[in-house]
PDB file of N, CA and C in Angstrom:
ATOM      1  N   UNK A   1      13.138  82.625  60.066  1.00  0.00           N
ATOM      2  CA  UNK A   1      12.958  81.306  59.246  1.00  0.00           C
ATOM      3  C   UNK A   1      13.607  81.496  57.924  1.00  0.00           C
ATOM      4  N   UNK A   2      14.108  80.406  57.468  1.00  0.00           N
ATOM      5  CA  UNK A   2      14.800  80.505  56.194  1.00  0.00           C
ATOM      6  C   UNK A   2      13.737  80.352  55.051  1.00  0.00           C
ATOM      7  N   UNK A   3      14.077  80.764  53.861  1.00  0.00           N
ATOM      8  CA  UNK A   3      13.094  80.658  52.808  1.00  0.00           C
ATOM      9  C   UNK A   3      12.812  79.255  52.356  1.00  0.00           C
ATOM     10  N   UNK A   4      13.810  78.295  52.599  1.00  0.00           N
ATOM     11  CA  UNK A   4      13.568  76.925  52.222  1.00  0.00           C
ATOM     12  C   UNK A   4      12.513  76.315  53.175  1.00  0.00           C
ATOM     13  N   UNK A   5      12.536  76.627  54.444  1.00  0.00           N
ATOM     14  CA  UNK A   5      11.591  76.187  55.363  1.00  0.00           C
ATOM     15  C   UNK A   5      10.155  76.655  55.055  1.00  0.00           C
ATOM     16  N   UNK A   6      10.068  77.929  54.665  1.00  0.00           N
ATOM     17  CA  UNK A   6       8.815  78.495  54.278  1.00  0.00           C
ATOM     18  C   UNK A   6       8.261  77.814  52.990  1.00  0.00           C
ATOM     19  N   UNK A   7       9.118  77.573  52.052  1.00  0.00           N
ATOM     20  CA  UNK A   7       8.738  76.757  50.864  1.00  0.00           C
ATOM     21  C   UNK A   7       8.204  75.387  51.208  1.00  0.00           C
ATOM     22  N   UNK A   8       8.847  74.700  52.075  1.00  0.00           N
ATOM     23  CA  UNK A   8       8.387  73.346  52.502  1.00  0.00           C
ATOM     24  C   UNK A   8       7.058  73.459  53.191  1.00  0.00           C
ATOM     25  N   UNK A   9       6.878  74.434  54.020  1.00  0.00           N
ATOM     26  CA  UNK A   9       5.568  74.582  54.784  1.00  0.00           C
ATOM     27  C   UNK A   9       4.457  74.925  53.757  1.00  0.00           C
ATOM     28  N   UNK A  10       4.717  75.716  52.816  1.00  0.00           N
ATOM     29  CA  UNK A  10       3.751  76.100  51.776  1.00  0.00           C
ATOM     30  C   UNK A  10       3.321  74.923  50.915  1.00  0.00           C
ATOM     31  N   UNK A  11       4.395  74.152  50.492  1.00  0.00           N
ATOM     32  CA  UNK A  11       4.130  72.985  49.699  1.00  0.00           C
ATOM     33  C   UNK A  11       3.338  71.963  50.496  1.00  0.00           C
ATOM     34  N   UNK A  12       3.636  71.801  51.745  1.00  0.00           N
ATOM     35  CA  UNK A  12       2.870  70.853  52.584  1.00  0.00           C
ATOM     36  C   UNK A  12       1.403  71.257  52.743  1.00  0.00           C
ATOM     37  N   UNK A  13       1.252  72.532  52.954  1.00  0.00           N
ATOM     38  CA  UNK A  13      -0.161  73.045  53.084  1.00  0.00           C
ATOM     39  C   UNK A  13      -0.938  72.872  51.751  1.00  0.00           C
ATOM     40  N   UNK A  14      -0.306  73.150  50.683  1.00  0.00           N
ATOM     41  CA  UNK A  14      -0.947  72.944  49.390  1.00  0.00           C
ATOM     42  C   UNK A  14      -1.275  71.481  49.146  1.00  0.00           C
ATOM     43  N   UNK A  15      -0.371  70.559  49.541  1.00  0.00           N
ATOM     44  CA  UNK A  15      -0.575  69.175  49.432  1.00  0.00           C
ATOM     45  C   UNK A  15      -1.862  68.696  50.261  1.00  0.00           C
ATOM     46  N   UNK A  16      -1.849  69.165  51.486  1.00  0.00           N
ATOM     47  CA  UNK A  16      -3.023  68.850  52.360  1.00  0.00           C
ATOM     48  C   UNK A  16      -4.280  69.328  51.834  1.00  0.00           C
ATOM     49  N   UNK A  17      -4.345  70.578  51.315  1.00  0.00           N
ATOM     50  CA  UNK A  17      -5.550  71.174  50.763  1.00  0.00           C
ATOM     51  C   UNK A  17      -5.957  70.428  49.556  1.00  0.00           C
ATOM     52  N   UNK A  18      -5.113  70.186  48.634  1.00  0.00           N
ATOM     53  CA  UNK A  18      -5.428  69.421  47.416  1.00  0.00           C
ATOM     54  C   UNK A  18      -5.926  68.042  47.711  1.00  0.00           C
ATOM     55  N   UNK A  19      -5.349  67.369  48.647  1.00  0.00           N
ATOM     56  CA  UNK A  19      -5.750  66.010  49.051  1.00  0.00           C
ATOM     57  C   UNK A  19      -7.167  66.059  49.650  1.00  0.00           C
ATOM     58  N   UNK A  20      -7.451  67.030  50.468  1.00  0.00           N
ATOM     59  CA  UNK A  20      -8.788  67.161  51.088  1.00  0.00           C
ATOM     60  C   UNK A  20      -9.894  67.408  49.986  1.00  0.00           C
ATOM     61  N   UNK A  21      -9.577  68.345  49.119  1.00  0.00           N
ATOM     62  CA  UNK A  21     -10.593  68.663  48.111  1.00  0.00           C
ATOM     63  C   UNK A  21     -10.788  67.484  47.089  1.00  0.00           C
ATOM     64  N   UNK A  22      -9.716  66.820  46.792  1.00  0.00           N
ATOM     65  CA  UNK A  22      -9.881  65.714  45.881  1.00  0.00           C
ATOM     66  C   UNK A  22     -10.624  64.540  46.568  1.00  0.00           C
ATOM     67  N   UNK A  23     -10.402  64.339  47.834  1.00  0.00           N
ATOM     68  CA  UNK A  23     -11.132  63.275  48.523  1.00  0.00           C
ATOM     69  C   UNK A  23     -12.578  63.593  48.660  1.00  0.00           C
ATOM     70  N   UNK A  24     -12.891  64.845  48.948  1.00  0.00           N
ATOM     71  CA  UNK A  24     -14.270  65.322  49.079  1.00  0.00           C
ATOM     72  C   UNK A  24     -15.010  65.201  47.669  1.00  0.00           C
ATOM     73  N   UNK A  25     -14.252  65.593  46.671  1.00  0.00           N
ATOM     74  CA  UNK A  25     -14.857  65.514  45.287  1.00  0.00           C
ATOM     75  C   UNK A  25     -15.170  64.089  44.831  1.00  0.00           C
ATOM     76  N   UNK A  26     -14.248  63.141  45.100  1.00  0.00           N
ATOM     77  CA  UNK A  26     -14.490  61.751  44.720  1.00  0.00           C
ATOM     78  C   UNK A  26     -15.549  61.093  45.586  1.00  0.00           C
ATOM     79  N   UNK A  27     -15.654  61.486  46.838  1.00  0.00           N
ATOM     80  CA  UNK A  27     -16.659  60.915  47.723  1.00  0.00           C
ATOM     81  C   UNK A  27     -18.083  61.360  47.248  1.00  0.00           C
ATOM     82  N   UNK A  28     -18.169  62.630  46.891  1.00  0.00           N
ATOM     83  CA  UNK A  28     -19.452  63.151  46.417  1.00  0.00           C
ATOM     84  C   UNK A  28     -19.860  62.535  45.097  1.00  0.00           C
ATOM     85  N   UNK A  29     -18.867  62.352  44.235  1.00  0.00           N
ATOM     86  CA  UNK A  29     -19.082  61.730  42.945  1.00  0.00           C
ATOM     87  C   UNK A  29     -19.504  60.291  43.077  1.00  0.00           C
ATOM     88  N   UNK A  30     -18.881  59.501  44.003  1.00  0.00           N
ATOM     89  CA  UNK A  30     -19.263  58.154  44.276  1.00  0.00           C
ATOM     90  C   UNK A  30     -20.674  57.986  44.801  1.00  0.00           C
ATOM     91  N   UNK A  31     -21.137  58.918  45.697  1.00  0.00           N
ATOM     92  CA  UNK A  31     -22.448  58.898  46.174  1.00  0.00           C
ATOM     93  C   UNK A  31     -23.485  59.106  45.111  1.00  0.00           C
ATOM     94  N   UNK A  32     -23.232  59.995  44.120  1.00  0.00           N
ATOM     95  CA  UNK A  32     -24.155  60.251  43.043  1.00  0.00           C
ATOM     96  C   UNK A  32     -24.377  58.992  42.131  1.00  0.00           C
ATOM     97  N   UNK A  33     -23.178  58.339  41.886  1.00  0.00           N
ATOM     98  CA  UNK A  33     -23.272  57.211  40.923  1.00  0.00           C
ATOM     99  C   UNK A  33     -23.566  55.861  41.554  1.00  0.00           C
ATOM    100  N   UNK A  34     -23.622  55.803  42.895  1.00  0.00           N
ATOM    101  CA  UNK A  34     -23.828  54.429  43.558  1.00  0.00           C
ATOM    102  C   UNK A  34     -25.202  53.882  43.331  1.00  0.00           C
ATOM    103  N   UNK A  35     -26.226  54.679  43.288  1.00  0.00           N
ATOM    104  CA  UNK A  35     -27.592  54.159  43.177  1.00  0.00           C
ATOM    105  C   UNK A  35     -28.070  54.161  41.703  1.00  0.00           C
ATOM    106  N   UNK A  36     -27.434  54.799  40.812  1.00  0.00           N
ATOM    107  CA  UNK A  36     -27.952  54.870  39.489  1.00  0.00           C
ATOM    108  C   UNK A  36     -27.412  53.779  38.603  1.00  0.00           C
ATOM    109  N   UNK A  37     -28.292  53.102  37.870  1.00  0.00           N
ATOM    110  CA  UNK A  37     -27.844  52.072  36.941  1.00  0.00           C
ATOM    111  C   UNK A  37     -28.230  52.437  35.512  1.00  0.00           C
ATOM    112  N   UNK A  38     -28.439  53.681  35.310  1.00  0.00           N
ATOM    113  CA  UNK A  38     -28.749  54.136  34.013  1.00  0.00           C
ATOM    114  C   UNK A  38     -30.155  53.914  33.530  1.00  0.00           C
ATOM    115  N   UNK A  39     -31.080  53.518  34.511  1.00  0.00           N
ATOM    116  CA  UNK A  39     -32.408  53.362  34.188  1.00  0.00           C
ATOM    117  C   UNK A  39     -32.689  51.993  33.524  1.00  0.00           C
ATOM    118  N   UNK A  40     -31.720  51.175  33.386  1.00  0.00           N
ATOM    119  CA  UNK A  40     -31.866  49.910  32.776  1.00  0.00           C
ATOM    120  C   UNK A  40     -32.026  48.822  33.829  1.00  0.00           C
ATOM    121  N   UNK A  41     -33.263  48.449  34.119  1.00  0.00           N
ATOM    122  CA  UNK A  41     -33.566  47.527  35.119  1.00  0.00           C
ATOM    123  C   UNK A  41     -33.447  46.099  34.623  1.00  0.00           C
ATOM    124  N   UNK A  42     -33.361  45.178  35.587  1.00  0.00           N
ATOM    125  CA  UNK A  42     -33.362  43.751  35.155  1.00  0.00           C
ATOM    126  C   UNK A  42     -31.918  43.198  34.946  1.00  0.00           C
ATOM    127  N   UNK A  43     -31.883  41.992  34.456  1.00  0.00           N
ATOM    128  CA  UNK A  43     -30.625  41.338  34.204  1.00  0.00           C
ATOM    129  C   UNK A  43     -30.067  41.760  32.873  1.00  0.00           C
ATOM    130  N   UNK A  44     -28.791  41.988  32.920  1.00  0.00           N
ATOM    131  CA  UNK A  44     -28.137  42.408  31.641  1.00  0.00           C
ATOM    132  C   UNK A  44     -27.689  41.160  30.844  1.00  0.00           C
ATOM    133  N   UNK A  45     -28.042  41.184  29.652  1.00  0.00           N
ATOM    134  CA  UNK A  45     -27.738  40.015  28.713  1.00  0.00           C
ATOM    135  C   UNK A  45     -26.606  40.423  27.796  1.00  0.00           C
ATOM    136  N   UNK A  46     -25.466  39.847  28.077  1.00  0.00           N
ATOM    137  CA  UNK A  46     -24.261  40.188  27.222  1.00  0.00           C
ATOM    138  C   UNK A  46     -23.934  38.961  26.440  1.00  0.00           C
ATOM    139  N   UNK A  47     -24.106  39.098  25.109  1.00  0.00           N
ATOM    140  CA  UNK A  47     -23.805  37.997  24.230  1.00  0.00           C
ATOM    141  C   UNK A  47     -22.338  37.868  23.928  1.00  0.00           C
ATOM    142  N   UNK A  48     -21.722  36.706  23.842  1.00  0.00           N
ATOM    143  CA  UNK A  48     -20.346  36.638  23.537  1.00  0.00           C
ATOM    144  C   UNK A  48     -20.052  37.139  22.115  1.00  0.00           C
ATOM    145  N   UNK A  49     -18.886  37.650  21.887  1.00  0.00           N
ATOM    146  CA  UNK A  49     -18.611  38.193  20.532  1.00  0.00           C
ATOM    147  C   UNK A  49     -18.516  37.072  19.534  1.00  0.00           C
ATOM    148  N   UNK A  50     -18.946  37.360  18.276  1.00  0.00           N
ATOM    149  CA  UNK A  50     -18.789  36.417  17.234  1.00  0.00           C
ATOM    150  C   UNK A  50     -17.468  36.762  16.540  1.00  0.00           C
ATOM    151  N   UNK A  51     -16.565  35.706  16.595  1.00  0.00           N
ATOM    152  CA  UNK A  51     -15.210  35.949  16.133  1.00  0.00           C
ATOM    153  C   UNK A  51     -15.193  35.418  14.623  1.00  0.00           C
ATOM    154  N   UNK A  52     -14.538  36.243  13.763  1.00  0.00           N
ATOM    155  CA  UNK A  52     -14.427  35.826  12.412  1.00  0.00           C
ATOM    156  C   UNK A  52     -13.035  35.250  12.224  1.00  0.00           C
ATOM    157  N   UNK A  53     -12.999  33.883  12.111  1.00  0.00           N
ATOM    158  CA  UNK A  53     -11.726  33.184  11.944  1.00  0.00           C
ATOM    159  C   UNK A  53     -11.294  33.233  10.504  1.00  0.00           C
ATOM    160  N   UNK A  54      -9.930  33.234  10.308  1.00  0.00           N
ATOM    161  CA  UNK A  54      -9.417  33.159   8.929  1.00  0.00           C
ATOM    162  C   UNK A  54      -9.731  31.821   8.291  1.00  0.00           C
ATOM    163  N   UNK A  55      -9.685  31.791   6.935  1.00  0.00           N
ATOM    164  CA  UNK A  55      -9.904  30.494   6.308  1.00  0.00           C
ATOM    165  C   UNK A  55      -8.905  29.414   6.763  1.00  0.00           C
ATOM    166  N   UNK A  56      -9.437  28.251   6.987  1.00  0.00           N
ATOM    167  CA  UNK A  56      -8.579  27.099   7.394  1.00  0.00           C
ATOM    168  C   UNK A  56      -8.390  26.983   8.925  1.00  0.00           C
ATOM    169  N   UNK A  57      -8.826  27.949   9.721  1.00  0.00           N
ATOM    170  CA  UNK A  57      -8.707  27.918  11.162  1.00  0.00           C
ATOM    171  C   UNK A  57     -10.014  27.552  11.721  1.00  0.00           C
ATOM    172  N   UNK A  58     -10.042  26.517  12.563  1.00  0.00           N
ATOM    173  CA  UNK A  58     -11.358  26.021  13.156  1.00  0.00           C
ATOM    174  C   UNK A  58     -11.147  25.993  14.733  1.00  0.00           C
ATOM    175  N   UNK A  59     -12.221  26.059  15.436  1.00  0.00           N
ATOM    176  CA  UNK A  59     -12.191  25.887  16.872  1.00  0.00           C
ATOM    177  C   UNK A  59     -11.989  24.486  17.205  1.00  0.00           C
ATOM    178  N   UNK A  60     -11.250  24.182  18.268  1.00  0.00           N
ATOM    179  CA  UNK A  60     -10.933  22.808  18.682  1.00  0.00           C
ATOM    180  C   UNK A  60     -12.245  22.168  19.228  1.00  0.00           C
ATOM    181  N   UNK A  61     -12.425  20.881  18.978  1.00  0.00           N
ATOM    182  CA  UNK A  61     -13.625  20.177  19.397  1.00  0.00           C
ATOM    183  C   UNK A  61     -13.638  19.921  20.890  1.00  0.00           C
ATOM    184  N   UNK A  62     -12.464  19.743  21.534  1.00  0.00           N
ATOM    185  CA  UNK A  62     -12.349  19.477  22.957  1.00  0.00           C
ATOM    186  C   UNK A  62     -11.401  20.558  23.593  1.00  0.00           C
ATOM    187  N   UNK A  63     -11.504  20.579  24.882  1.00  0.00           N
ATOM    188  CA  UNK A  63     -10.525  21.421  25.622  1.00  0.00           C
ATOM    189  C   UNK A  63      -9.169  20.749  25.569  1.00  0.00           C
ATOM    190  N   UNK A  64      -8.126  21.541  25.305  1.00  0.00           N
ATOM    191  CA  UNK A  64      -6.794  20.945  25.222  1.00  0.00           C
ATOM    192  C   UNK A  64      -6.246  20.681  26.577  1.00  0.00           C
ATOM    193  N   UNK A  65      -6.649  21.523  27.619  1.00  0.00           N
ATOM    194  CA  UNK A  65      -6.142  21.368  28.991  1.00  0.00           C
ATOM    195  C   UNK A  65      -7.262  20.778  29.766  1.00  0.00           C
ATOM    196  N   UNK A  66      -6.953  19.679  30.473  1.00  0.00           N
ATOM    197  CA  UNK A  66      -7.912  19.067  31.386  1.00  0.00           C
ATOM    198  C   UNK A  66      -8.086  19.810  32.639  1.00  0.00           C
ATOM    199  N   UNK A  67      -9.322  20.061  33.092  1.00  0.00           N
ATOM    200  CA  UNK A  67      -9.578  20.796  34.324  1.00  0.00           C
ATOM    201  C   UNK A  67      -9.436  19.767  35.428  1.00  0.00           C
ATOM    202  N   UNK A  68      -8.937  20.301  36.602  1.00  0.00           N
ATOM    203  CA  UNK A  68      -8.810  19.400  37.771  1.00  0.00           C
ATOM    204  C   UNK A  68     -10.021  19.380  38.610  1.00  0.00           C
TER     205      UNK A  68
END
């Protein structure tokens, strides 16, 4: 066998092994985090950000684009 063929076989084997271990690691990681919500039960209340507009700039009173 030529050395090029051996190199390709070893690279392929390394690729398969790395793919397997990476898949197993991400699956195990996903199982750990799937049921945990950080201990924060209930509905999360996210307030919209308060934007500080420059002087002279105001929010429009109506929507500029009509919804269909």
